[in-house]
Amino acid sequence: MQDHIEILAKLPKYWMLRRCEAYSDELRSCRSVGGRLHQYYVHGGAVDCAHWKESLEDCKKWKADADVAAAVSEKSVFLIYDGEKVCI
């Protein structure tokens, strides 16, 4: 079986994947009081943080099992790649 590095090198736009800690930090920030105040000021109300949670779960699947589907699946707009495209 191939290791993470070999699989990662074959993925398109592999450089967009971040460490799981980054997704955890984004989720924590999104749910924080300061984050909610910022969302209220910028967007007029609270923003759904579910995409950060889903990205974190997908990242954990990738990290544990080198699950390519978790990184590049097309089932949701909140996958690691798609979530990163939104951030860029």
N, C-alpha and C. Protein backbone atom coordinates (compact mmCIF):
# COMPACT_ATOMS: atom_id res chain seq x y z
N MET A 1 0.84 -1.19 0.00
CA MET A 1 0.00 0.00 0.00
C MET A 1 0.88 1.26 0.00
N GLN A 2 0.43 2.26 -0.70
CA GLN A 2 1.20 3.49 -0.79
C GLN A 2 1.09 4.30 0.49
N ASP A 3 2.13 5.05 0.77
CA ASP A 3 2.06 5.90 1.96
C ASP A 3 1.42 7.24 1.60
N HIS A 4 1.19 8.04 2.61
CA HIS A 4 0.50 9.32 2.45
C HIS A 4 1.20 10.24 1.44
N ILE A 5 2.52 10.29 1.48
CA ILE A 5 3.27 11.20 0.61
C ILE A 5 3.08 10.83 -0.86
N GLU A 6 3.16 9.53 -1.17
CA GLU A 6 3.00 9.10 -2.55
C GLU A 6 1.59 9.39 -3.06
N ILE A 7 0.60 9.14 -2.22
CA ILE A 7 -0.79 9.40 -2.61
C ILE A 7 -1.00 10.90 -2.77
N LEU A 8 -0.48 11.66 -1.82
CA LEU A 8 -0.65 13.11 -1.84
C LEU A 8 -0.04 13.72 -3.09
N ALA A 9 1.09 13.23 -3.52
CA ALA A 9 1.76 13.76 -4.70
C ALA A 9 0.93 13.56 -5.97
N LYS A 10 0.06 12.56 -5.99
CA LYS A 10 -0.77 12.28 -7.16
C LYS A 10 -2.08 13.07 -7.17
N LEU A 11 -2.43 13.68 -6.03
CA LEU A 11 -3.68 14.42 -5.95
C LEU A 11 -3.54 15.79 -6.62
N PRO A 12 -4.58 16.21 -7.34
CA PRO A 12 -4.52 17.56 -7.91
C PRO A 12 -4.61 18.60 -6.80
N LYS A 13 -3.84 19.62 -6.92
CA LYS A 13 -3.84 20.72 -5.95
C LYS A 13 -3.58 20.24 -4.52
N TYR A 14 -2.68 19.29 -4.37
CA TYR A 14 -2.36 18.74 -3.06
C TYR A 14 -1.86 19.80 -2.09
N TRP A 15 -1.29 20.87 -2.60
CA TRP A 15 -0.74 21.92 -1.77
C TRP A 15 -1.82 22.65 -0.98
N MET A 16 -3.10 22.47 -1.36
CA MET A 16 -4.18 23.16 -0.67
C MET A 16 -4.53 22.50 0.67
N LEU A 17 -4.12 21.25 0.86
CA LEU A 17 -4.43 20.57 2.11
C LEU A 17 -3.60 21.16 3.25
N ARG A 18 -4.28 21.44 4.35
CA ARG A 18 -3.59 22.00 5.52
C ARG A 18 -3.55 20.95 6.62
N ARG A 19 -2.81 21.25 7.65
CA ARG A 19 -2.76 20.37 8.81
C ARG A 19 -4.12 20.40 9.50
N CYS A 20 -4.48 19.32 10.15
CA CYS A 20 -5.78 19.23 10.83
C CYS A 20 -5.92 20.29 11.91
N GLU A 21 -4.82 20.69 12.49
CA GLU A 21 -4.87 21.71 13.53
C GLU A 21 -5.40 23.03 12.97
N ALA A 22 -5.14 23.31 11.72
CA ALA A 22 -5.62 24.54 11.10
C ALA A 22 -7.14 24.54 11.02
N TYR A 23 -7.73 23.40 10.66
CA TYR A 23 -9.18 23.30 10.60
C TYR A 23 -9.79 23.38 11.99
N SER A 24 -9.11 22.78 12.96
CA SER A 24 -9.57 22.85 14.34
C SER A 24 -9.55 24.30 14.84
N ASP A 25 -8.49 25.02 14.52
CA ASP A 25 -8.39 26.43 14.91
C ASP A 25 -9.48 27.27 14.26
N GLU A 26 -9.75 27.01 12.98
CA GLU A 26 -10.80 27.75 12.27
C GLU A 26 -12.16 27.48 12.90
N LEU A 27 -12.43 26.23 13.27
CA LEU A 27 -13.70 25.87 13.89
C LEU A 27 -13.84 26.55 15.25
N ARG A 28 -12.78 26.51 16.02
CA ARG A 28 -12.80 27.15 17.34
C ARG A 28 -13.02 28.66 17.21
N SER A 29 -12.35 29.28 16.25
CA SER A 29 -12.50 30.71 16.02
C SER A 29 -13.91 31.05 15.56
N CYS A 30 -14.46 30.21 14.69
CA CYS A 30 -15.81 30.45 14.17
C CYS A 30 -16.85 30.40 15.29
N ARG A 31 -16.64 29.51 16.25
CA ARG A 31 -17.60 29.33 17.34
C ARG A 31 -17.35 30.26 18.53
N SER A 32 -16.24 30.95 18.54
CA SER A 32 -15.89 31.79 19.69
C SER A 32 -16.76 33.04 19.76
N VAL A 33 -16.77 33.66 20.93
CA VAL A 33 -17.54 34.90 21.12
C VAL A 33 -17.03 35.98 20.17
N GLY A 34 -15.71 36.13 20.09
CA GLY A 34 -15.14 37.13 19.19
C GLY A 34 -15.47 36.84 17.75
N GLY A 35 -15.45 35.55 17.39
CA GLY A 35 -15.81 35.16 16.04
C GLY A 35 -17.27 35.47 15.73
N ARG A 36 -18.13 35.23 16.70
CA ARG A 36 -19.55 35.52 16.51
C ARG A 36 -19.79 37.03 16.39
N LEU A 37 -19.07 37.82 17.18
CA LEU A 37 -19.20 39.28 17.06
C LEU A 37 -18.75 39.75 15.68
N HIS A 38 -17.65 39.19 15.22
CA HIS A 38 -17.15 39.55 13.89
C HIS A 38 -18.19 39.17 12.82
N GLN A 39 -18.75 37.97 12.94
CA GLN A 39 -19.76 37.52 11.97
C GLN A 39 -20.97 38.45 11.98
N TYR A 40 -21.39 38.85 13.16
CA TYR A 40 -22.55 39.74 13.27
C TYR A 40 -22.25 41.07 12.60
N TYR A 41 -21.04 41.58 12.82
CA TYR A 41 -20.65 42.87 12.25
C TYR A 41 -20.53 42.78 10.73
N VAL A 42 -19.90 41.73 10.23
CA VAL A 42 -19.63 41.60 8.80
C VAL A 42 -20.84 41.08 8.02
N HIS A 43 -21.50 40.04 8.57
CA HIS A 43 -22.57 39.35 7.84
C HIS A 43 -23.97 39.67 8.35
N GLY A 44 -24.06 40.36 9.46
CA GLY A 44 -25.36 40.70 10.01
C GLY A 44 -25.97 39.60 10.87
N GLY A 45 -25.25 38.55 11.12
CA GLY A 45 -25.75 37.45 11.96
C GLY A 45 -24.72 36.35 12.03
N ALA A 46 -25.04 35.33 12.81
CA ALA A 46 -24.12 34.20 12.99
C ALA A 46 -24.01 33.39 11.70
N VAL A 47 -22.81 32.92 11.42
CA VAL A 47 -22.53 32.10 10.26
C VAL A 47 -22.49 30.64 10.70
N ASP A 48 -22.92 29.75 9.83
CA ASP A 48 -22.87 28.32 10.13
C ASP A 48 -21.42 27.83 10.07
N CYS A 49 -20.96 27.21 11.12
CA CYS A 49 -19.58 26.73 11.20
C CYS A 49 -19.45 25.26 10.81
N ALA A 50 -20.52 24.66 10.32
CA ALA A 50 -20.53 23.22 10.02
C ALA A 50 -19.46 22.84 9.00
N HIS A 51 -19.16 23.73 8.04
CA HIS A 51 -18.17 23.37 7.02
C HIS A 51 -16.78 23.17 7.63
N TRP A 52 -16.46 23.92 8.69
CA TRP A 52 -15.16 23.73 9.35
C TRP A 52 -15.13 22.39 10.07
N LYS A 53 -16.24 22.00 10.67
CA LYS A 53 -16.32 20.71 11.35
C LYS A 53 -16.19 19.57 10.35
N GLU A 54 -16.87 19.68 9.22
CA GLU A 54 -16.78 18.65 8.19
C GLU A 54 -15.37 18.58 7.61
N SER A 55 -14.74 19.72 7.39
CA SER A 55 -13.37 19.74 6.88
C SER A 55 -12.42 19.09 7.89
N LEU A 56 -12.63 19.35 9.17
CA LEU A 56 -11.80 18.73 10.21
C LEU A 56 -11.98 17.22 10.22
N GLU A 57 -13.22 16.76 10.11
CA GLU A 57 -13.48 15.32 10.09
C GLU A 57 -12.85 14.67 8.86
N ASP A 58 -12.97 15.32 7.70
CA ASP A 58 -12.35 14.80 6.49
C ASP A 58 -10.83 14.77 6.62
N CYS A 59 -10.27 15.78 7.25
CA CYS A 59 -8.82 15.82 7.46
C CYS A 59 -8.38 14.67 8.36
N LYS A 60 -9.15 14.40 9.39
CA LYS A 60 -8.82 13.28 10.29
C LYS A 60 -8.88 11.95 9.56
N LYS A 61 -9.87 11.79 8.66
CA LYS A 61 -9.96 10.57 7.86
C LYS A 61 -8.73 10.44 6.97
N TRP A 62 -8.34 11.54 6.35
CA TRP A 62 -7.15 11.53 5.50
C TRP A 62 -5.92 11.17 6.31
N LYS A 63 -5.78 11.77 7.47
CA LYS A 63 -4.61 11.56 8.30
C LYS A 63 -4.53 10.12 8.81
N ALA A 64 -5.67 9.56 9.19
CA ALA A 64 -5.70 8.22 9.76
C ALA A 64 -5.55 7.12 8.70
N ASP A 65 -6.25 7.28 7.58
CA ASP A 65 -6.34 6.19 6.62
C ASP A 65 -5.86 6.54 5.22
N ALA A 66 -5.34 7.73 5.00
CA ALA A 66 -4.99 8.21 3.66
C ALA A 66 -6.21 8.07 2.75
N ASP A 67 -7.36 8.44 3.28
CA ASP A 67 -8.64 8.33 2.57
C ASP A 67 -8.73 9.43 1.52
N VAL A 68 -8.46 9.07 0.28
CA VAL A 68 -8.47 10.04 -0.82
C VAL A 68 -9.86 10.63 -0.99
N ALA A 69 -10.88 9.81 -0.79
CA ALA A 69 -12.26 10.28 -0.94
C ALA A 69 -12.55 11.43 0.02
N ALA A 70 -11.96 11.41 1.18
CA ALA A 70 -12.17 12.49 2.15
C ALA A 70 -11.56 13.80 1.66
N ALA A 71 -10.53 13.70 0.86
CA ALA A 71 -9.86 14.90 0.37
C ALA A 71 -10.44 15.42 -0.94
N VAL A 72 -10.92 14.53 -1.81
CA VAL A 72 -11.33 14.97 -3.14
C VAL A 72 -12.74 14.57 -3.55
N SER A 73 -13.52 14.01 -2.66
CA SER A 73 -14.87 13.58 -3.00
C SER A 73 -15.71 14.76 -3.45
N GLU A 74 -16.66 14.50 -4.31
CA GLU A 74 -17.52 15.56 -4.85
C GLU A 74 -18.90 15.58 -4.20
N LYS A 75 -19.09 14.87 -3.10
CA LYS A 75 -20.41 14.76 -2.50
C LYS A 75 -20.85 16.02 -1.78
N SER A 76 -19.94 16.90 -1.42
CA SER A 76 -20.30 18.06 -0.63
C SER A 76 -19.44 19.25 -1.03
N VAL A 77 -19.97 20.44 -0.85
CA VAL A 77 -19.19 21.65 -1.15
C VAL A 77 -18.24 21.99 -0.01
N PHE A 78 -18.35 21.31 1.10
CA PHE A 78 -17.53 21.62 2.27
C PHE A 78 -16.43 20.59 2.50
N LEU A 79 -15.86 20.09 1.44
CA LEU A 79 -14.76 19.17 1.58
C LEU A 79 -13.46 19.96 1.69
N ILE A 80 -12.41 19.27 1.96
CA ILE A 80 -11.15 19.96 2.20
C ILE A 80 -10.78 20.84 1.00
N TYR A 81 -10.75 20.30 -0.21
CA TYR A 81 -10.40 21.09 -1.37
C TYR A 81 -11.37 22.25 -1.57
N ASP A 82 -12.64 21.91 -1.60
CA ASP A 82 -13.65 22.93 -1.88
C ASP A 82 -13.67 23.98 -0.80
N GLY A 83 -13.49 23.57 0.45
CA GLY A 83 -13.44 24.53 1.54
C GLY A 83 -12.27 25.47 1.39
N GLU A 84 -11.15 24.94 0.93
CA GLU A 84 -9.97 25.77 0.73
C GLU A 84 -10.16 26.72 -0.44
N LYS A 85 -10.86 26.28 -1.48
CA LYS A 85 -11.11 27.17 -2.62
C LYS A 85 -11.90 28.39 -2.19
N VAL A 86 -12.84 28.19 -1.27
CA VAL A 86 -13.64 29.29 -0.75
C VAL A 86 -12.75 30.27 0.01
N CYS A 87 -11.78 29.75 0.74
CA CYS A 87 -10.91 30.61 1.55
C CYS A 87 -9.96 31.44 0.70
N ILE A 88 -9.61 30.93 -0.47
CA ILE A 88 -8.62 31.62 -1.31
C ILE A 88 -9.21 32.76 -2.02
